[in-house]
Protein backbone atom coordinates (compact mmCIF):
# COMPACT_ATOMS: atom_id res chain seq x y z
CA MET A 1 144.35 100.63 53.52
CA LYS A 2 146.02 103.84 54.74
CA ALA A 3 142.67 105.13 56.05
CA PHE A 4 142.13 101.86 57.91
CA LEU A 5 145.58 102.01 59.54
CA LEU A 6 144.99 105.63 60.54
CA LEU A 7 141.70 104.65 62.17
CA ILE A 8 143.44 101.87 64.14
CA ILE A 9 146.11 104.31 65.37
CA VAL A 10 143.49 106.87 66.46
CA LEU A 11 141.40 104.26 68.26
CA SER A 12 144.48 102.82 69.95
CA ALA A 13 145.56 106.23 71.18
CA HIS A 14 142.06 106.84 72.56
CA CYS A 15 142.09 103.54 74.44
CA VAL A 16 145.46 104.33 75.96
CA ARG A 17 144.21 107.61 77.37
CA ALA A 18 140.87 106.28 78.63
CA GLN A 19 142.06 103.35 80.71
CA LEU A 20 141.14 104.79 84.12
CA THR A 21 137.37 104.67 83.59
CA TYR A 22 134.56 102.17 84.24
CA GLN A 23 135.56 100.59 80.95
CA ASN A 24 138.50 99.03 82.76
CA LEU A 25 137.88 99.69 86.47
CA GLU A 26 135.53 98.44 89.16
CA VAL A 27 134.61 100.08 92.47
CA GLN A 28 134.15 97.13 94.83
CA TYR A 29 131.63 98.41 97.35
CA ASP A 30 131.16 94.94 98.88
CA SER A 31 134.87 94.71 99.76
CA ALA A 32 135.14 97.93 101.75
CA ILE A 33 137.35 98.04 104.85
CA GLU A 34 136.08 100.15 107.74
CA TYR A 35 137.56 101.20 111.06
CA ARG A 36 136.39 103.96 113.36
CA ASN A 37 136.01 107.14 111.26
CA LEU A 38 137.36 105.80 107.96
CA LYS A 39 135.95 103.53 105.27
CA ILE A 40 138.12 102.53 102.31
CA ILE A 41 136.45 101.17 99.19
CA PRO A 42 138.83 99.39 96.78
CA ILE A 43 139.10 100.17 93.08
CA THR A 44 140.48 97.37 90.91
CA LYS A 45 141.12 96.70 87.25
CA LYS A 46 138.74 94.33 85.48
CA SER A 47 141.69 92.64 83.86
CA ALA A 48 144.81 92.33 86.00
CA GLY A 49 147.31 91.97 83.12
CA GLY A 50 150.60 93.83 82.90
CA SER A 51 153.84 93.37 84.74
CA PRO A 52 153.78 93.08 88.56
CA LYS A 53 157.02 95.06 88.62
CA PRO A 54 156.61 98.83 89.04
CA SER A 55 157.50 101.05 86.12
CA PHE A 56 158.42 103.83 88.54
CA LEU A 57 160.37 104.44 91.69
CA THR A 58 158.48 106.23 94.46
CA LEU A 59 159.94 109.11 96.42
CA ASN A 60 159.58 107.33 99.75
CA LYS A 61 161.45 104.18 98.72
CA ALA A 62 164.03 106.07 96.69
CA MET A 63 164.93 108.35 99.61
CA GLN A 64 165.09 105.37 101.98
CA GLN A 65 167.47 103.57 99.63
CA GLY A 66 169.59 106.66 99.03
CA ILE A 67 169.19 106.51 95.27
CA VAL A 68 167.48 109.89 95.11
CA THR A 69 168.71 113.04 96.81
CA VAL A 70 166.59 116.07 97.72
CA SER A 71 168.16 119.46 98.35
CA GLU A 72 167.47 123.19 98.22
CA ARG A 73 167.91 124.99 94.93
CA GLY A 74 169.52 127.95 96.65
CA THR A 75 169.72 130.05 99.82
CA ALA A 76 167.37 132.98 99.06
CA SER A 77 163.80 132.28 100.20
CA THR A 78 162.14 134.54 97.63
CA GLU A 79 163.80 132.75 94.72
CA ASN A 80 163.93 129.18 95.98
CA VAL A 81 161.06 128.50 98.38
CA HIS A 82 158.86 127.05 95.62
CA TRP A 83 161.45 124.66 94.18
CA LEU A 84 163.37 121.62 95.33
CA ARG A 85 166.32 120.03 93.58
CA ILE A 86 166.05 116.30 92.91
CA ASN A 87 168.75 114.00 91.60
CA ASN A 88 167.51 110.60 90.49
CA LYS A 89 170.61 108.40 90.61
CA SER A 90 168.76 105.22 89.61
CA ASN A 91 167.99 103.91 86.13
CA ILE A 92 164.20 104.00 86.65
CA PRO A 93 161.82 106.97 86.28
CA LEU A 94 160.88 108.54 89.62
CA PHE A 95 157.21 109.28 90.35
CA ILE A 96 156.58 112.13 92.80
CA GLY A 97 152.97 112.68 93.82
CA SER A 98 151.16 115.95 94.33
CA GLY A 99 150.66 116.28 98.09
CA GLU A 100 153.80 114.42 99.17
CA ILE A 101 155.67 116.17 101.98
CA VAL A 102 159.36 116.33 102.80
CA LEU A 103 160.56 117.78 106.09
CA GLY A 104 163.84 119.60 106.62
CA GLY A 105 165.88 121.74 104.27
CA ARG A 106 165.40 125.37 105.10
CA GLN A 107 161.67 124.70 105.68
CA ASP A 108 159.15 121.86 105.20
CA ARG A 109 157.61 121.54 101.71
CA MET A 110 154.78 119.85 99.84
CA VAL A 111 154.88 118.86 96.16
CA THR A 112 152.27 120.76 94.13
CA ARG A 113 151.81 118.48 91.12
CA ASP A 114 152.47 114.92 90.02
CA THR A 115 155.84 114.66 88.32
CA VAL A 116 157.96 111.96 86.71
CA LEU A 117 161.72 112.54 86.64
CA VAL A 118 163.58 110.32 84.24
CA PRO A 119 167.14 109.37 85.24
CA THR A 120 169.48 111.84 83.56
CA GLY A 121 172.37 111.96 86.00
CA ARG A 122 171.71 115.69 86.37
CA ASP A 123 169.80 117.84 88.85
CA GLN A 124 166.10 118.37 88.13
CA TYR A 125 163.52 120.52 89.91
CA VAL A 126 160.01 120.01 91.28
CA SER A 127 157.41 122.61 92.19
CA VAL A 128 156.60 122.81 95.92
CA MET A 129 154.75 124.90 98.51
CA CYS A 130 155.94 125.77 101.99
CA VAL A 131 154.03 123.94 104.76
CA GLU A 132 155.97 125.57 107.60
CA GLU A 133 155.26 129.29 107.68
CA GLY A 134 157.53 130.30 110.55
CA ARG A 135 160.93 129.01 109.43
CA TRP A 136 163.51 129.71 106.76
CA SER A 137 166.78 128.45 108.24
CA ASP A 138 170.22 129.75 107.47
CA LYS A 139 171.41 126.17 107.67
CA GLU A 140 169.91 123.49 105.45
CA LYS A 141 168.76 120.38 107.34
CA LYS A 142 168.69 116.92 105.80
CA PHE A 143 165.38 116.27 104.07
CA ALA A 144 163.17 113.40 105.31
CA TYR A 145 160.08 111.91 103.68
CA PHE A 146 156.77 112.60 105.49
CA ASN A 147 154.02 110.86 103.45
CA TYR A 148 151.05 112.62 101.80
CA ALA A 149 149.24 115.57 103.33
CA ASN A 150 145.56 115.19 104.16
CA MET A 151 143.06 115.78 101.38
CA ARG A 152 141.90 119.11 102.75
CA LEU A 153 145.37 120.58 102.25
CA ARG A 154 145.88 118.75 98.92
CA LYS A 155 142.62 120.30 97.71
CA VAL A 156 143.67 123.85 98.66
CA VAL A 157 146.94 123.42 96.76
CA GLY A 158 145.26 121.79 93.77
CA GLN A 159 142.54 124.40 93.40
CA SER A 160 144.45 127.56 94.28
CA ASN A 161 148.22 127.00 94.09
CA ASN A 162 148.32 129.97 96.47
CA GLN A 163 150.92 130.04 99.27
CA LEU A 164 148.87 132.32 101.53
CA LEU A 165 145.85 130.01 101.29
CA VAL A 166 148.07 127.01 102.06
CA TRP A 167 149.36 128.70 105.24
CA LYS A 168 145.80 129.70 106.17
CA GLU A 169 144.55 126.11 105.79
CA ILE A 170 147.41 124.75 107.93
CA PHE A 171 146.74 127.38 110.60
CA ASN A 172 143.01 126.52 110.62
CA GLN A 173 143.76 122.80 110.96
CA LEU A 174 146.21 123.38 113.82
CA ASP A 175 143.87 125.83 115.54
CA SER A 176 140.74 123.67 115.26
CA SER A 177 142.65 120.72 116.74
CA LYS A 178 144.18 122.93 119.45
CA ILE A 179 147.68 121.95 118.37
CA LYS A 180 150.55 124.29 119.16
CA ALA A 181 153.33 124.27 116.55
CA PRO A 182 155.94 127.05 117.01
CA THR A 183 156.73 127.27 113.29
CA LEU A 184 153.10 126.65 112.18
CA THR A 185 154.15 123.48 110.41
CA TYR A 186 151.75 120.91 108.99
CA ALA A 187 153.95 118.28 110.65
CA GLY A 188 152.57 119.46 113.99
CA ILE A 189 149.29 117.68 113.22
CA ARG A 190 150.94 114.32 112.71
CA LYS A 191 153.44 114.69 115.53
CA ASP A 192 150.96 115.82 118.16
CA LYS A 193 151.18 113.48 121.18
CA LYS A 194 147.39 113.48 121.68
CA LEU A 195 146.86 112.09 118.18
CA LEU A 196 149.94 109.94 117.69
CA THR A 197 148.62 106.80 119.40
CA LEU A 198 145.34 107.05 117.52
CA GLN A 199 147.15 107.50 114.19
CA GLU A 200 149.26 104.41 114.85
CA ASP A 201 146.12 102.46 115.75
CA TYR A 202 144.47 103.38 112.44
CA MET A 203 147.57 102.61 110.39
CA ARG A 204 148.19 99.28 112.11
CA THR A 205 144.55 98.16 111.75
CA PHE A 206 144.24 99.06 108.08
CA THR A 207 147.65 97.62 107.23
CA GLU A 208 146.71 94.27 108.78
CA ARG A 209 143.34 94.18 107.05
CA LEU A 210 144.81 95.16 103.70
CA LYS A 211 147.21 92.21 103.91
CA LYS A 212 144.20 89.88 103.87
CA THR A 213 142.68 91.23 100.66
CA ASP A 214 142.99 88.99 97.61
CA SER A 215 142.44 91.60 94.89
CA ALA A 216 145.07 93.69 93.15
CA TRP A 217 143.94 97.21 93.96
CA VAL A 218 144.86 100.20 91.81
CA GLY A 219 143.16 102.76 94.02
CA PHE A 220 140.49 103.53 96.58
CA VAL A 221 137.77 105.97 97.52
CA CYS A 222 137.56 107.02 101.18
CA VAL A 223 134.49 107.88 103.24
CA SER A 224 134.05 109.46 106.65
CA GLY A 225 130.73 110.48 108.16
CA ASP A 226 128.30 111.34 105.38
CA LYS A 227 131.02 112.59 103.03
CA VAL A 228 133.53 111.27 100.55
CA VAL A 229 136.98 112.37 101.72
CA GLY A 230 138.58 111.78 98.29
CA CYS A 231 139.96 109.15 95.95
CA ASP A 232 143.26 108.18 94.36
CA VAL A 233 143.58 105.80 91.40
CA PHE A 234 146.72 104.64 89.59
CA ASP A 235 147.29 102.88 86.31
CA GLU A 236 149.56 100.27 87.89
CA SER A 237 148.81 98.09 90.88
CA ALA A 238 152.52 98.04 91.77
CA LEU A 239 152.69 101.84 91.86
CA PHE A 240 149.52 102.02 93.97
CA TYR A 241 150.84 99.58 96.57
CA ASP A 242 154.14 101.46 96.78
CA GLN A 243 152.15 104.66 97.44
CA LEU A 244 149.51 103.06 99.67
CA PRO A 245 151.09 103.56 103.14
CA SER A 246 151.91 107.20 102.35
CA LEU A 247 148.45 107.93 100.93
CA LEU A 248 146.72 106.14 103.79
CA GLN A 249 148.54 108.29 106.35
CA GLY A 250 147.10 111.42 104.72
CA TYR A 251 143.54 110.07 104.80
CA VAL A 252 143.97 108.99 108.42
CA ASP A 253 145.13 112.53 109.30
CA ASP A 254 141.90 113.82 107.74
CA VAL A 255 139.44 111.66 109.66
CA ILE A 256 141.11 111.75 113.08
CA THR A 257 140.55 115.48 113.45
CA LYS A 258 137.49 116.05 111.25
CA GLY A 259 135.86 112.65 110.73
CA SER A 260 133.00 110.61 112.18
CA PRO A 261 131.81 107.00 111.74
CA PRO A 262 131.08 106.37 108.03
CA LYS A 263 127.43 106.49 107.06
CA ALA A 264 127.45 107.66 103.44
CA SER A 265 125.52 105.16 101.31
CA ASP A 266 127.02 103.29 98.36
CA GLU A 267 124.63 105.28 96.18
CA LYS A 268 126.12 108.55 97.43
CA VAL A 269 129.65 107.29 96.82
CA LYS A 270 128.66 106.13 93.33
CA LYS A 271 127.25 109.59 92.61
CA TYR A 272 130.66 110.98 93.57
CA MET A 273 132.59 108.44 91.46
CA ASP A 274 130.46 108.48 88.30
CA PRO A 275 131.70 111.84 86.91
CA ILE A 276 135.27 110.67 87.53
CA LEU A 277 135.03 107.21 85.96
CA ILE A 278 132.06 107.12 83.58
CA ASN A 279 134.09 108.18 80.54
CA GLU A 280 137.14 110.18 79.55
CA GLU A 281 135.24 113.36 78.62
CA SER A 282 133.40 113.48 81.92
CA GLN A 283 136.60 112.71 83.83
CA GLU A 284 138.49 115.54 82.14
CA LYS A 285 135.74 118.08 82.78
CA HIS A 286 135.04 117.07 86.37
CA LEU A 287 138.63 116.76 87.60
CA LYS A 288 139.63 120.06 86.04
CA LEU A 289 137.74 121.65 88.95
CA ASN A 290 137.50 118.85 91.48
CA GLY A 291 140.75 116.92 91.29
CA LYS A 292 143.77 116.16 89.14
CA ILE A 293 144.76 114.02 86.16
CA TYR A 294 148.38 113.19 85.50
CA ARG A 295 149.56 111.85 82.13
CA TYR A 296 152.98 110.54 81.35
CA ARG A 297 153.85 109.87 77.73
CA ASN A 298 150.20 110.36 76.74
CA LYS A 299 149.02 107.79 79.29
CA VAL A 300 146.96 108.55 82.38
CA ILE A 301 148.87 107.10 85.33
CA HIS A 302 147.18 108.84 88.29
CA ILE A 303 143.89 110.55 89.01
CA THR A 304 142.89 112.28 92.24
CA GLY A 305 139.40 113.29 93.29
CA PHE A 306 139.06 115.92 95.99
CA GLY A 307 136.57 115.59 98.82
CA GLY A 308 132.90 115.83 97.95
């Protein structure tokens, strides 16, 4: 009897960890949404189940509602540039995604890894990279949320965690798009007047089309030209939809400057997705080099695949 119970516990634990695979997910190629240089293919759960209420706050909503504060850890750049202080004043865990950007403080920053901060009433800290090379202000500005970075920058951070390479990637993106940003900030890409109208057009079109979908998405894979730009998948539909506008902005940033009309076949996209979703072992091995897996309390809640 004890051996039987132990087997049940082991199998249950395995199922908990393996939920973001083809065992429980579907990539719905026939339901793709396409506009100009971007094609979004939905990923849904085979069984909806679960509570429609989110288990987590998101940084965007929490900052808007004033229930989370973001501030500098200190004044010295050498000691504090790679950390931000977060105070979660709610009673719900706060999910902060790798690649999310906040502007302000003494310089603009990007979060380097997925993090959940439980409400403790005390200050906590998240790991960040500078995305504004030419500024470290004496005076701390108020922080403002700025959505996710594009996948090219998220990939550099995820694979290198190297500040110099992050600055180099931002410089290359600004230079190739002929964008002048005095402090070499990533925000220059999104704030550029030549691109702003086009960005708004993409966001408006996809937002309207997404409203008409009847499936509960938990993620998507994005295509531009003959390449897969990347994918993001969450354990909860509610968390995905809270993150969706912020994630979408990052993918739009990618394809406006470097994209072309989608032509990658479903077979090519499937070849990209198979190592990520076929089983837990393959997912672990593939994303160790080509993406990220985030577990919270021994449960996978977010996976990211970098561009193929």
